[in-house]
Amino acid sequence: MTDLSRAAALADVPEDGSLAVEVDGVEIALVRTGDEVFAIRYECSHASVALSEGEVEGCEIECWLHGSMFDLRTGKPTNLPATEPVPVYPCNVDGDDIYVDVHHPLNTDTES
């Protein structure tokens, strides 16, 4: 069962970019790449740095400070120095709005 909450309007998330939002008290980054939208924890697991300010390359987002990269589908780091995954959340686009379930991360081996 999912607890989807409206996170933002699709138009608010730049193409091949991201937007920081808070959903049900949880800070996340909404990331848009191609026709897909992902929801990932707001902060890098290596340092308390906003992932929403990083570059989006395909299905990865880069932490702007140290260069760690994370897979948007799994939250797993794909480039050092980060070694711990970050939570990713179920995300759904319905019409012009994006809905996210921050209560049930897709990857249960991470801290929320």
PDB file of N, CA and C in Angstrom:
ATOM      1  N   MET A   1       0.835  -1.184   0.000  1.00  0.00           N
ATOM      2  CA  MET A   1       0.000   0.000   0.000  1.00  0.00           C
ATOM      3  C   MET A   1       0.880   1.249   0.000  1.00  0.00           C
ATOM      4  N   THR A   2       0.532   2.204  -0.787  1.00  0.00           N
ATOM      5  CA  THR A   2       1.328   3.422  -0.857  1.00  0.00           C
ATOM      6  C   THR A   2       0.571   4.596  -0.265  1.00  0.00           C
ATOM      7  N   ASP A   3       1.334   5.523   0.254  1.00  0.00           N
ATOM      8  CA  ASP A   3       0.794   6.747   0.826  1.00  0.00           C
ATOM      9  C   ASP A   3       1.292   7.909  -0.017  1.00  0.00           C
ATOM     10  N   LEU A   4       0.746   8.054  -1.210  1.00  0.00           N
ATOM     11  CA  LEU A   4       1.210   9.094  -2.118  1.00  0.00           C
ATOM     12  C   LEU A   4       0.701  10.464  -1.680  1.00  0.00           C
ATOM     13  N   SER A   5       1.617  11.420  -1.672  1.00  0.00           N
ATOM     14  CA  SER A   5       1.290  12.808  -1.371  1.00  0.00           C
ATOM     15  C   SER A   5       1.791  13.673  -2.516  1.00  0.00           C
ATOM     16  N   ARG A   6       1.035  14.735  -2.825  1.00  0.00           N
ATOM     17  CA  ARG A   6       1.462  15.634  -3.889  1.00  0.00           C
ATOM     18  C   ARG A   6       2.765  16.307  -3.476  1.00  0.00           C
ATOM     19  N   ALA A   7       3.754  16.246  -4.368  1.00  0.00           N
ATOM     20  CA  ALA A   7       5.070  16.820  -4.093  1.00  0.00           C
ATOM     21  C   ALA A   7       5.289  18.130  -4.826  1.00  0.00           C
ATOM     22  N   ALA A   8       4.828  18.210  -6.079  1.00  0.00           N
ATOM     23  CA  ALA A   8       5.051  19.407  -6.886  1.00  0.00           C
ATOM     24  C   ALA A   8       4.309  19.262  -8.209  1.00  0.00           C
ATOM     25  N   ALA A   9       4.258  20.361  -8.922  1.00  0.00           N
ATOM     26  CA  ALA A   9       3.761  20.323 -10.296  1.00  0.00           C
ATOM     27  C   ALA A   9       4.893  19.839 -11.189  1.00  0.00           C
ATOM     28  N   LEU A  10       4.584  19.041 -12.168  1.00  0.00           N
ATOM     29  CA  LEU A  10       5.595  18.550 -13.096  1.00  0.00           C
ATOM     30  C   LEU A  10       6.355  19.703 -13.744  1.00  0.00           C
ATOM     31  N   ALA A  11       5.663  20.773 -14.065  1.00  0.00           N
ATOM     32  CA  ALA A  11       6.291  21.926 -14.717  1.00  0.00           C
ATOM     33  C   ALA A  11       7.329  22.616 -13.828  1.00  0.00           C
ATOM     34  N   ASP A  12       7.266  22.383 -12.513  1.00  0.00           N
ATOM     35  CA  ASP A  12       8.219  23.010 -11.597  1.00  0.00           C
ATOM     36  C   ASP A  12       9.580  22.329 -11.580  1.00  0.00           C
ATOM     37  N   VAL A  13       9.648  21.096 -12.086  1.00  0.00           N
ATOM     38  CA  VAL A  13      10.909  20.354 -12.106  1.00  0.00           C
ATOM     39  C   VAL A  13      11.540  20.540 -13.479  1.00  0.00           C
ATOM     40  N   PRO A  14      12.722  21.153 -13.537  1.00  0.00           N
ATOM     41  CA  PRO A  14      13.339  21.383 -14.843  1.00  0.00           C
ATOM     42  C   PRO A  14      13.701  20.091 -15.559  1.00  0.00           C
ATOM     43  N   GLU A  15      13.614  20.103 -16.881  1.00  0.00           N
ATOM     44  CA  GLU A  15      14.025  18.936 -17.655  1.00  0.00           C
ATOM     45  C   GLU A  15      15.508  18.693 -17.428  1.00  0.00           C
ATOM     46  N   ASP A  16      15.868  17.428 -17.208  1.00  0.00           N
ATOM     47  CA  ASP A  16      17.241  17.036 -16.895  1.00  0.00           C
ATOM     48  C   ASP A  16      17.784  17.851 -15.730  1.00  0.00           C
ATOM     49  N   GLY A  17      16.936  18.028 -14.726  1.00  0.00           N
ATOM     50  CA  GLY A  17      17.319  18.766 -13.530  1.00  0.00           C
ATOM     51  C   GLY A  17      16.535  18.281 -12.332  1.00  0.00           C
ATOM     52  N   SER A  18      16.635  19.036 -11.241  1.00  0.00           N
ATOM     53  CA  SER A  18      15.981  18.605 -10.008  1.00  0.00           C
ATOM     54  C   SER A  18      15.411  19.786  -9.235  1.00  0.00           C
ATOM     55  N   LEU A  19      14.583  19.447  -8.270  1.00  0.00           N
ATOM     56  CA  LEU A  19      13.915  20.434  -7.434  1.00  0.00           C
ATOM     57  C   LEU A  19      13.840  19.879  -6.018  1.00  0.00           C
ATOM     58  N   ALA A  20      14.272  20.682  -5.040  1.00  0.00           N
ATOM     59  CA  ALA A  20      14.164  20.291  -3.639  1.00  0.00           C
ATOM     60  C   ALA A  20      12.762  20.604  -3.143  1.00  0.00           C
ATOM     61  N   VAL A  21      12.130  19.620  -2.472  1.00  0.00           N
ATOM     62  CA  VAL A  21      10.798  19.811  -1.895  1.00  0.00           C
ATOM     63  C   VAL A  21      10.731  19.069  -0.567  1.00  0.00           C
ATOM     64  N   GLU A  22       9.724  19.395   0.209  1.00  0.00           N
ATOM     65  CA  GLU A  22       9.457  18.661   1.439  1.00  0.00           C
ATOM     66  C   GLU A  22       8.098  18.007   1.301  1.00  0.00           C
ATOM     67  N   VAL A  23       8.051  16.705   1.572  1.00  0.00           N
ATOM     68  CA  VAL A  23       6.810  15.938   1.487  1.00  0.00           C
ATOM     69  C   VAL A  23       6.598  15.237   2.825  1.00  0.00           C
ATOM     70  N   ASP A  24       5.501  15.530   3.464  1.00  0.00           N
ATOM     71  CA  ASP A  24       5.176  14.925   4.759  1.00  0.00           C
ATOM     72  C   ASP A  24       6.353  15.010   5.738  1.00  0.00           C
ATOM     73  N   GLY A  25       7.050  16.142   5.744  1.00  0.00           N
ATOM     74  CA  GLY A  25       8.154  16.367   6.665  1.00  0.00           C
ATOM     75  C   GLY A  25       9.484  15.793   6.239  1.00  0.00           C
ATOM     76  N   VAL A  26       9.558  15.192   5.052  1.00  0.00           N
ATOM     77  CA  VAL A  26      10.790  14.582   4.553  1.00  0.00           C
ATOM     78  C   VAL A  26      11.313  15.413   3.381  1.00  0.00           C
ATOM     79  N   GLU A  27      12.588  15.843   3.474  1.00  0.00           N
ATOM     80  CA  GLU A  27      13.185  16.593   2.373  1.00  0.00           C
ATOM     81  C   GLU A  27      13.661  15.623   1.303  1.00  0.00           C
ATOM     82  N   ILE A  28      13.239  15.867   0.074  1.00  0.00           N
ATOM     83  CA  ILE A  28      13.629  15.021  -1.052  1.00  0.00           C
ATOM     84  C   ILE A  28      14.023  15.893  -2.232  1.00  0.00           C
ATOM     85  N   ALA A  29      14.633  15.262  -3.205  1.00  0.00           N
ATOM     86  CA  ALA A  29      14.902  15.900  -4.487  1.00  0.00           C
ATOM     87  C   ALA A  29      14.068  15.177  -5.534  1.00  0.00           C
ATOM     88  N   LEU A  30      13.278  15.935  -6.260  1.00  0.00           N
ATOM     89  CA  LEU A  30      12.570  15.393  -7.419  1.00  0.00           C
ATOM     90  C   LEU A  30      13.480  15.600  -8.609  1.00  0.00           C
ATOM     91  N   VAL A  31      13.717  14.543  -9.358  1.00  0.00           N
ATOM     92  CA  VAL A  31      14.653  14.603 -10.468  1.00  0.00           C
ATOM     93  C   VAL A  31      13.943  14.187 -11.744  1.00  0.00           C
ATOM     94  N   ARG A  32      14.096  15.014 -12.759  1.00  0.00           N
ATOM     95  CA  ARG A  32      13.459  14.737 -14.054  1.00  0.00           C
ATOM     96  C   ARG A  32      14.539  14.494 -15.088  1.00  0.00           C
ATOM     97  N   THR A  33      14.446  13.352 -15.738  1.00  0.00           N
ATOM     98  CA  THR A  33      15.393  13.020 -16.798  1.00  0.00           C
ATOM     99  C   THR A  33      14.615  12.331 -17.917  1.00  0.00           C
ATOM    100  N   GLY A  34      14.650  12.913 -19.087  1.00  0.00           N
ATOM    101  CA  GLY A  34      13.838  12.391 -20.183  1.00  0.00           C
ATOM    102  C   GLY A  34      12.374  12.465 -19.811  1.00  0.00           C
ATOM    103  N   ASP A  35      11.656  11.359 -19.957  1.00  0.00           N
ATOM    104  CA  ASP A  35      10.241  11.294 -19.605  1.00  0.00           C
ATOM    105  C   ASP A  35      10.011  10.766 -18.197  1.00  0.00           C
ATOM    106  N   GLU A  36      11.082  10.543 -17.441  1.00  0.00           N
ATOM    107  CA  GLU A  36      10.953   9.942 -16.118  1.00  0.00           C
ATOM    108  C   GLU A  36      11.166  10.969 -15.011  1.00  0.00           C
ATOM    109  N   VAL A  37      10.497  10.716 -13.883  1.00  0.00           N
ATOM    110  CA  VAL A  37      10.673  11.522 -12.684  1.00  0.00           C
ATOM    111  C   VAL A  37      11.007  10.581 -11.535  1.00  0.00           C
ATOM    112  N   PHE A  38      12.006  10.956 -10.739  1.00  0.00           N
ATOM    113  CA  PHE A  38      12.446  10.156  -9.606  1.00  0.00           C
ATOM    114  C   PHE A  38      12.400  10.995  -8.341  1.00  0.00           C
ATOM    115  N   ALA A  39      12.272  10.320  -7.207  1.00  0.00           N
ATOM    116  CA  ALA A  39      12.329  10.979  -5.907  1.00  0.00           C
ATOM    117  C   ALA A  39      13.438  10.311  -5.097  1.00  0.00           C
ATOM    118  N   ILE A  40      14.383  11.118  -4.606  1.00  0.00           N
ATOM    119  CA  ILE A  40      15.554  10.619  -3.894  1.00  0.00           C
ATOM    120  C   ILE A  40      15.794  11.494  -2.680  1.00  0.00           C
ATOM    121  N   ARG A  41      16.437  10.944  -1.665  1.00  0.00           N
ATOM    122  CA  ARG A  41      16.723  11.734  -0.471  1.00  0.00           C
ATOM    123  C   ARG A  41      17.459  13.014  -0.852  1.00  0.00           C
ATOM    124  N   TYR A  42      17.176  14.063  -0.150  1.00  0.00           N
ATOM    125  CA  TYR A  42      17.715  15.391  -0.428  1.00  0.00           C
ATOM    126  C   TYR A  42      19.228  15.467  -0.244  1.00  0.00           C
ATOM    127  N   GLU A  43      19.779  14.757   0.744  1.00  0.00           N
ATOM    128  CA  GLU A  43      21.200  14.889   1.060  1.00  0.00           C
ATOM    129  C   GLU A  43      22.028  13.699   0.614  1.00  0.00           C
ATOM    130  N   CYS A  44      23.250  14.006   0.205  1.00  0.00           N
ATOM    131  CA  CYS A  44      24.249  12.995  -0.125  1.00  0.00           C
ATOM    132  C   CYS A  44      24.566  12.191   1.126  1.00  0.00           C
ATOM    133  N   SER A  45      24.839  10.900   0.972  1.00  0.00           N
ATOM    134  CA  SER A  45      25.170  10.048   2.117  1.00  0.00           C
ATOM    135  C   SER A  45      26.612  10.243   2.577  1.00  0.00           C
ATOM    136  N   HIS A  46      27.424  10.904   1.795  1.00  0.00           N
ATOM    137  CA  HIS A  46      28.820  11.145   2.162  1.00  0.00           C
ATOM    138  C   HIS A  46      28.966  12.394   3.008  1.00  0.00           C
ATOM    139  N   ALA A  47      28.222  13.428   2.678  1.00  0.00           N
ATOM    140  CA  ALA A  47      28.268  14.692   3.415  1.00  0.00           C
ATOM    141  C   ALA A  47      26.877  15.318   3.334  1.00  0.00           C
ATOM    142  N   SER A  48      26.599  16.216   4.222  1.00  0.00           N
ATOM    143  CA  SER A  48      25.277  16.859   4.246  1.00  0.00           C
ATOM    144  C   SER A  48      25.194  17.930   3.170  1.00  0.00           C
ATOM    145  N   VAL A  49      25.151  17.487   1.930  1.00  0.00           N
ATOM    146  CA  VAL A  49      25.138  18.376   0.772  1.00  0.00           C
ATOM    147  C   VAL A  49      23.888  18.076  -0.053  1.00  0.00           C
ATOM    148  N   ALA A  50      23.242  19.115  -0.523  1.00  0.00           N
ATOM    149  CA  ALA A  50      21.993  18.975  -1.275  1.00  0.00           C
ATOM    150  C   ALA A  50      22.224  18.319  -2.634  1.00  0.00           C
ATOM    151  N   LEU A  51      21.650  17.136  -2.823  1.00  0.00           N
ATOM    152  CA  LEU A  51      21.740  16.483  -4.135  1.00  0.00           C
ATOM    153  C   LEU A  51      20.942  17.248  -5.184  1.00  0.00           C
ATOM    154  N   SER A  52      19.933  17.983  -4.752  1.00  0.00           N
ATOM    155  CA  SER A  52      19.111  18.730  -5.707  1.00  0.00           C
ATOM    156  C   SER A  52      19.903  19.799  -6.448  1.00  0.00           C
ATOM    157  N   GLU A  53      21.088  20.136  -5.954  1.00  0.00           N
ATOM    158  CA  GLU A  53      21.931  21.135  -6.621  1.00  0.00           C
ATOM    159  C   GLU A  53      22.942  20.505  -7.567  1.00  0.00           C
ATOM    160  N   GLY A  54      22.902  19.172  -7.695  1.00  0.00           N
ATOM    161  CA  GLY A  54      23.861  18.471  -8.541  1.00  0.00           C
ATOM    162  C   GLY A  54      23.395  18.329  -9.975  1.00  0.00           C
ATOM    163  N   GLU A  55      24.317  17.924 -10.820  1.00  0.00           N
ATOM    164  CA  GLU A  55      24.040  17.697 -12.235  1.00  0.00           C
ATOM    165  C   GLU A  55      23.355  16.343 -12.425  1.00  0.00           C
ATOM    166  N   VAL A  56      22.412  16.298 -13.357  1.00  0.00           N
ATOM    167  CA  VAL A  56      21.714  15.070 -13.710  1.00  0.00           C
ATOM    168  C   VAL A  56      22.285  14.562 -15.027  1.00  0.00           C
ATOM    169  N   GLU A  57      22.709  13.293 -15.025  1.00  0.00           N
ATOM    170  CA  GLU A  57      23.254  12.663 -16.227  1.00  0.00           C
ATOM    171  C   GLU A  57      22.572  11.319 -16.401  1.00  0.00           C
ATOM    172  N   GLY A  58      21.627  11.245 -17.322  1.00  0.00           N
ATOM    173  CA  GLY A  58      20.880  10.002 -17.509  1.00  0.00           C
ATOM    174  C   GLY A  58      20.129   9.662 -16.248  1.00  0.00           C
ATOM    175  N   CYS A  59      20.338   8.467 -15.722  1.00  0.00           N
ATOM    176  CA  CYS A  59      19.659   8.032 -14.488  1.00  0.00           C
ATOM    177  C   CYS A  59      20.553   8.180 -13.268  1.00  0.00           C
ATOM    178  N   GLU A  60      21.425   9.190 -13.279  1.00  0.00           N
ATOM    179  CA  GLU A  60      22.294   9.453 -12.148  1.00  0.00           C
ATOM    180  C   GLU A  60      22.259  10.935 -11.794  1.00  0.00           C
ATOM    181  N   ILE A  61      22.522  11.209 -10.501  1.00  0.00           N
ATOM    182  CA  ILE A  61      22.671  12.585 -10.049  1.00  0.00           C
ATOM    183  C   ILE A  61      24.005  12.679  -9.332  1.00  0.00           C
ATOM    184  N   GLU A  62      24.697  13.784  -9.559  1.00  0.00           N
ATOM    185  CA  GLU A  62      26.015  13.988  -8.980  1.00  0.00           C
ATOM    186  C   GLU A  62      25.939  14.971  -7.819  1.00  0.00           C
ATOM    187  N   CYS A  63      26.620  14.627  -6.737  1.00  0.00           N
ATOM    188  CA  CYS A  63      26.770  15.553  -5.626  1.00  0.00           C
ATOM    189  C   CYS A  63      27.780  16.610  -6.064  1.00  0.00           C
ATOM    190  N   TRP A  64      27.381  17.850  -6.018  1.00  0.00           N
ATOM    191  CA  TRP A  64      28.209  18.932  -6.559  1.00  0.00           C
ATOM    192  C   TRP A  64      29.491  19.178  -5.766  1.00  0.00           C
ATOM    193  N   LEU A  65      29.546  18.760  -4.507  1.00  0.00           N
ATOM    194  CA  LEU A  65      30.712  19.096  -3.689  1.00  0.00           C
ATOM    195  C   LEU A  65      31.894  18.151  -3.894  1.00  0.00           C
ATOM    196  N   HIS A  66      31.658  16.843  -3.807  1.00  0.00           N
ATOM    197  CA  HIS A  66      32.760  15.882  -3.880  1.00  0.00           C
ATOM    198  C   HIS A  66      32.691  14.949  -5.083  1.00  0.00           C
ATOM    199  N   GLY A  67      31.630  15.046  -5.896  1.00  0.00           N
ATOM    200  CA  GLY A  67      31.559  14.240  -7.110  1.00  0.00           C
ATOM    201  C   GLY A  67      30.939  12.865  -6.958  1.00  0.00           C
ATOM    202  N   SER A  68      30.418  12.534  -5.781  1.00  0.00           N
ATOM    203  CA  SER A  68      29.711  11.258  -5.658  1.00  0.00           C
ATOM    204  C   SER A  68      28.529  11.255  -6.615  1.00  0.00           C
ATOM    205  N   MET A  69      28.232  10.091  -7.165  1.00  0.00           N
ATOM    206  CA  MET A  69      27.078   9.955  -8.043  1.00  0.00           C
ATOM    207  C   MET A  69      26.184   8.851  -7.513  1.00  0.00           C
ATOM    208  N   PHE A  70      24.855   9.024  -7.722  1.00  0.00           N
ATOM    209  CA  PHE A  70      23.878   8.067  -7.241  1.00  0.00           C
ATOM    210  C   PHE A  70      22.943   7.672  -8.365  1.00  0.00           C
ATOM    211  N   ASP A  71      22.616   6.371  -8.409  1.00  0.00           N
ATOM    212  CA  ASP A  71      21.642   5.857  -9.358  1.00  0.00           C
ATOM    213  C   ASP A  71      20.259   6.278  -8.877  1.00  0.00           C
ATOM    214  N   LEU A  72      19.507   6.967  -9.698  1.00  0.00           N
ATOM    215  CA  LEU A  72      18.194   7.476  -9.327  1.00  0.00           C
ATOM    216  C   LEU A  72      17.173   6.363  -9.117  1.00  0.00           C
ATOM    217  N   ARG A  73      17.421   5.191  -9.686  1.00  0.00           N
ATOM    218  CA  ARG A  73      16.484   4.072  -9.561  1.00  0.00           C
ATOM    219  C   ARG A  73      16.695   3.279  -8.290  1.00  0.00           C
ATOM    220  N   THR A  74      17.934   3.216  -7.819  1.00  0.00           N
ATOM    221  CA  THR A  74      18.252   2.364  -6.667  1.00  0.00           C
ATOM    222  C   THR A  74      18.789   3.133  -5.465  1.00  0.00           C
ATOM    223  N   GLY A  75      19.280   4.339  -5.676  1.00  0.00           N
ATOM    224  CA  GLY A  75      19.902   5.109  -4.610  1.00  0.00           C
ATOM    225  C   GLY A  75      21.343   4.709  -4.336  1.00  0.00           C
ATOM    226  N   LYS A  76      21.840   3.699  -5.041  1.00  0.00           N
ATOM    227  CA  LYS A  76      23.201   3.227  -4.795  1.00  0.00           C
ATOM    228  C   LYS A  76      24.222   4.193  -5.388  1.00  0.00           C
ATOM    229  N   PRO A  77      25.330   4.406  -4.658  1.00  0.00           N
ATOM    230  CA  PRO A  77      26.376   5.263  -5.195  1.00  0.00           C
ATOM    231  C   PRO A  77      27.081   4.575  -6.359  1.00  0.00           C
ATOM    232  N   THR A  78      27.381   5.343  -7.385  1.00  0.00           N
ATOM    233  CA  THR A  78      28.077   4.809  -8.551  1.00  0.00           C
ATOM    234  C   THR A  78      29.456   5.435  -8.715  1.00  0.00           C
ATOM    235  N   ASN A  79      29.801   6.341  -7.795  1.00  0.00           N
ATOM    236  CA  ASN A  79      31.107   6.998  -7.836  1.00  0.00           C
ATOM    237  C   ASN A  79      31.465   7.417  -6.415  1.00  0.00           C
ATOM    238  N   LEU A  80      32.714   7.200  -6.044  1.00  0.00           N
ATOM    239  CA  LEU A  80      33.210   7.609  -4.734  1.00  0.00           C
ATOM    240  C   LEU A  80      33.259   9.138  -4.644  1.00  0.00           C
ATOM    241  N   PRO A  81      33.262   9.694  -3.460  1.00  0.00           N
ATOM    242  CA  PRO A  81      33.584   9.067  -2.190  1.00  0.00           C
ATOM    243  C   PRO A  81      32.403   8.434  -1.451  1.00  0.00           C
ATOM    244  N   ALA A  82      31.174   8.638  -1.883  1.00  0.00           N
ATOM    245  CA  ALA A  82      30.030   8.021  -1.200  1.00  0.00           C
ATOM    246  C   ALA A  82      30.088   6.507  -1.348  1.00  0.00           C
ATOM    247  N   THR A  83      29.786   5.814  -0.253  1.00  0.00           N
ATOM    248  CA  THR A  83      29.737   4.352  -0.278  1.00  0.00           C
ATOM    249  C   THR A  83      28.388   3.827   0.204  1.00  0.00           C
ATOM    250  N   GLU A  84      27.582   4.676   0.814  1.00  0.00           N
ATOM    251  CA  GLU A  84      26.274   4.282   1.332  1.00  0.00           C
ATOM    252  C   GLU A  84      25.165   4.768   0.404  1.00  0.00           C
ATOM    253  N   PRO A  85      24.168   3.932   0.146  1.00  0.00           N
ATOM    254  CA  PRO A  85      23.044   4.375  -0.688  1.00  0.00           C
ATOM    255  C   PRO A  85      22.177   5.405   0.034  1.00  0.00           C
ATOM    256  N   VAL A  86      21.369   6.101  -0.732  1.00  0.00           N
ATOM    257  CA  VAL A  86      20.379   7.030  -0.184  1.00  0.00           C
ATOM    258  C   VAL A  86      18.990   6.500  -0.553  1.00  0.00           C
ATOM    259  N   PRO A  87      17.993   6.807   0.275  1.00  0.00           N
ATOM    260  CA  PRO A  87      16.646   6.326  -0.028  1.00  0.00           C
ATOM    261  C   PRO A  87      16.092   6.910  -1.333  1.00  0.00           C
ATOM    262  N   VAL A  88      15.396   6.066  -2.071  1.00  0.00           N
ATOM    263  CA  VAL A  88      14.599   6.504  -3.213  1.00  0.00           C
ATOM    264  C   VAL A  88      13.156   6.115  -2.912  1.00  0.00           C
ATOM    265  N   TYR A  89      12.237   6.893  -3.426  1.00  0.00           N
ATOM    266  CA  TYR A  89      10.842   6.744  -3.040  1.00  0.00           C
ATOM    267  C   TYR A  89       9.953   6.518  -4.253  1.00  0.00           C
ATOM    268  N   PRO A  90       8.850   5.769  -4.051  1.00  0.00           N
ATOM    269  CA  PRO A  90       7.887   5.614  -5.140  1.00  0.00           C
ATOM    270  C   PRO A  90       7.388   6.979  -5.593  1.00  0.00           C
ATOM    271  N   CYS A  91       7.324   7.135  -6.894  1.00  0.00           N
ATOM    272  CA  CYS A  91       6.988   8.428  -7.489  1.00  0.00           C
ATOM    273  C   CYS A  91       6.051   8.185  -8.659  1.00  0.00           C
ATOM    274  N   ASN A  92       5.027   9.026  -8.777  1.00  0.00           N
ATOM    275  CA  ASN A  92       4.044   8.856  -9.829  1.00  0.00           C
ATOM    276  C   ASN A  92       3.640  10.222 -10.379  1.00  0.00           C
ATOM    277  N   VAL A  93       3.584  10.321 -11.685  1.00  0.00           N
ATOM    278  CA  VAL A  93       3.085  11.540 -12.319  1.00  0.00           C
ATOM    279  C   VAL A  93       1.631  11.277 -12.698  1.00  0.00           C
ATOM    280  N   ASP A  94       0.756  12.139 -12.222  1.00  0.00           N
ATOM    281  CA  ASP A  94      -0.667  12.029 -12.516  1.00  0.00           C
ATOM    282  C   ASP A  94      -1.117  13.377 -13.061  1.00  0.00           C
ATOM    283  N   GLY A  95      -1.368  13.413 -14.361  1.00  0.00           N
ATOM    284  CA  GLY A  95      -1.706  14.682 -14.998  1.00  0.00           C
ATOM    285  C   GLY A  95      -0.521  15.627 -14.951  1.00  0.00           C
ATOM    286  N   ASP A  96      -0.708  16.775 -14.310  1.00  0.00           N
ATOM    287  CA  ASP A  96       0.355  17.775 -14.212  1.00  0.00           C
ATOM    288  C   ASP A  96       1.059  17.754 -12.868  1.00  0.00           C
ATOM    289  N   ASP A  97       0.764  16.772 -12.023  1.00  0.00           N
ATOM    290  CA  ASP A  97       1.307  16.734 -10.672  1.00  0.00           C
ATOM    291  C   ASP A  97       2.153  15.500 -10.421  1.00  0.00           C
ATOM    292  N   ILE A  98       3.107  15.654  -9.492  1.00  0.00           N
ATOM    293  CA  ILE A  98       3.984  14.561  -9.077  1.00  0.00           C
ATOM    294  C   ILE A  98       3.592  14.158  -7.663  1.00  0.00           C
ATOM    295  N   TYR A  99       3.426  12.860  -7.454  1.00  0.00           N
ATOM    296  CA  TYR A  99       3.075  12.314  -6.147  1.00  0.00           C
ATOM    297  C   TYR A  99       4.185  11.377  -5.689  1.00  0.00           C
ATOM    298  N   VAL A 100       4.507  11.434  -4.396  1.00  0.00           N
ATOM    299  CA  VAL A 100       5.593  10.631  -3.845  1.00  0.00           C
ATOM    300  C   VAL A 100       5.135   9.993  -2.537  1.00  0.00           C
ATOM    301  N   ASP A 101       5.614   8.775  -2.292  1.00  0.00           N
ATOM    302  CA  ASP A 101       5.374   8.075  -1.032  1.00  0.00           C
ATOM    303  C   ASP A 101       6.689   8.058  -0.255  1.00  0.00           C
ATOM    304  N   VAL A 102       6.849   8.988   0.687  1.00  0.00           N
ATOM    305  CA  VAL A 102       8.086   9.059   1.470  1.00  0.00           C
ATOM    306  C   VAL A 102       8.088   8.088   2.646  1.00  0.00           C
ATOM    307  N   HIS A 103       6.970   7.414   2.871  1.00  0.00           N
ATOM    308  CA  HIS A 103       6.856   6.492   4.004  1.00  0.00           C
ATOM    309  C   HIS A 103       7.315   5.076   3.679  1.00  0.00           C
ATOM    310  N   HIS A 104       7.462   4.771   2.408  1.00  0.00           N
ATOM    311  CA  HIS A 104       7.842   3.420   1.995  1.00  0.00           C
ATOM    312  C   HIS A 104       8.946   3.482   0.933  1.00  0.00           C
ATOM    313  N   PRO A 105      10.220   3.717   1.349  1.00  0.00           N
ATOM    314  CA  PRO A 105      11.319   3.762   0.360  1.00  0.00           C
ATOM    315  C   PRO A 105      11.368   2.479  -0.469  1.00  0.00           C
ATOM    316  N   LEU A 106      11.778   2.618  -1.712  1.00  0.00           N
ATOM    317  CA  LEU A 106      11.904   1.457  -2.591  1.00  0.00           C
ATOM    318  C   LEU A 106      13.084   0.586  -2.183  1.00  0.00           C
ATOM    319  N   ASN A 107      14.104   1.202  -1.664  1.00  0.00           N
ATOM    320  CA  ASN A 107      15.304   0.469  -1.223  1.00  0.00           C
ATOM    321  C   ASN A 107      15.297   0.457   0.300  1.00  0.00           C
ATOM    322  N   THR A 108      15.008  -0.673   0.888  1.00  0.00           N
ATOM    323  CA  THR A 108      14.827  -0.763   2.333  1.00  0.00           C
ATOM    324  C   THR A 108      16.137  -0.922   3.098  1.00  0.00           C
ATOM    325  N   ASP A 109      17.264  -0.934   2.398  1.00  0.00           N
ATOM    326  CA  ASP A 109      18.566  -1.083   3.066  1.00  0.00           C
ATOM    327  C   ASP A 109      19.212   0.271   3.355  1.00  0.00           C
ATOM    328  N   THR A 110      18.414   1.331   3.419  1.00  0.00           N
ATOM    329  CA  THR A 110      18.931   2.677   3.673  1.00  0.00           C
ATOM    330  C   THR A 110      18.190   3.300   4.840  1.00  0.00           C
ATOM    331  N   GLU A 111      18.791   4.362   5.351  1.00  0.00           N
ATOM    332  CA  GLU A 111      18.105   5.153   6.385  1.00  0.00           C
ATOM    333  C   GLU A 111      17.239   6.185   5.716  1.00  0.00           C
ATOM    334  N   SER A 112      16.069   6.443   6.247  1.00  0.00           N
ATOM    335  CA  SER A 112      15.175   7.473   5.700  1.00  0.00           C
ATOM    336  C   SER A 112      15.513   8.818   6.261  1.00  0.00           C
TER     337      SER A 112
END
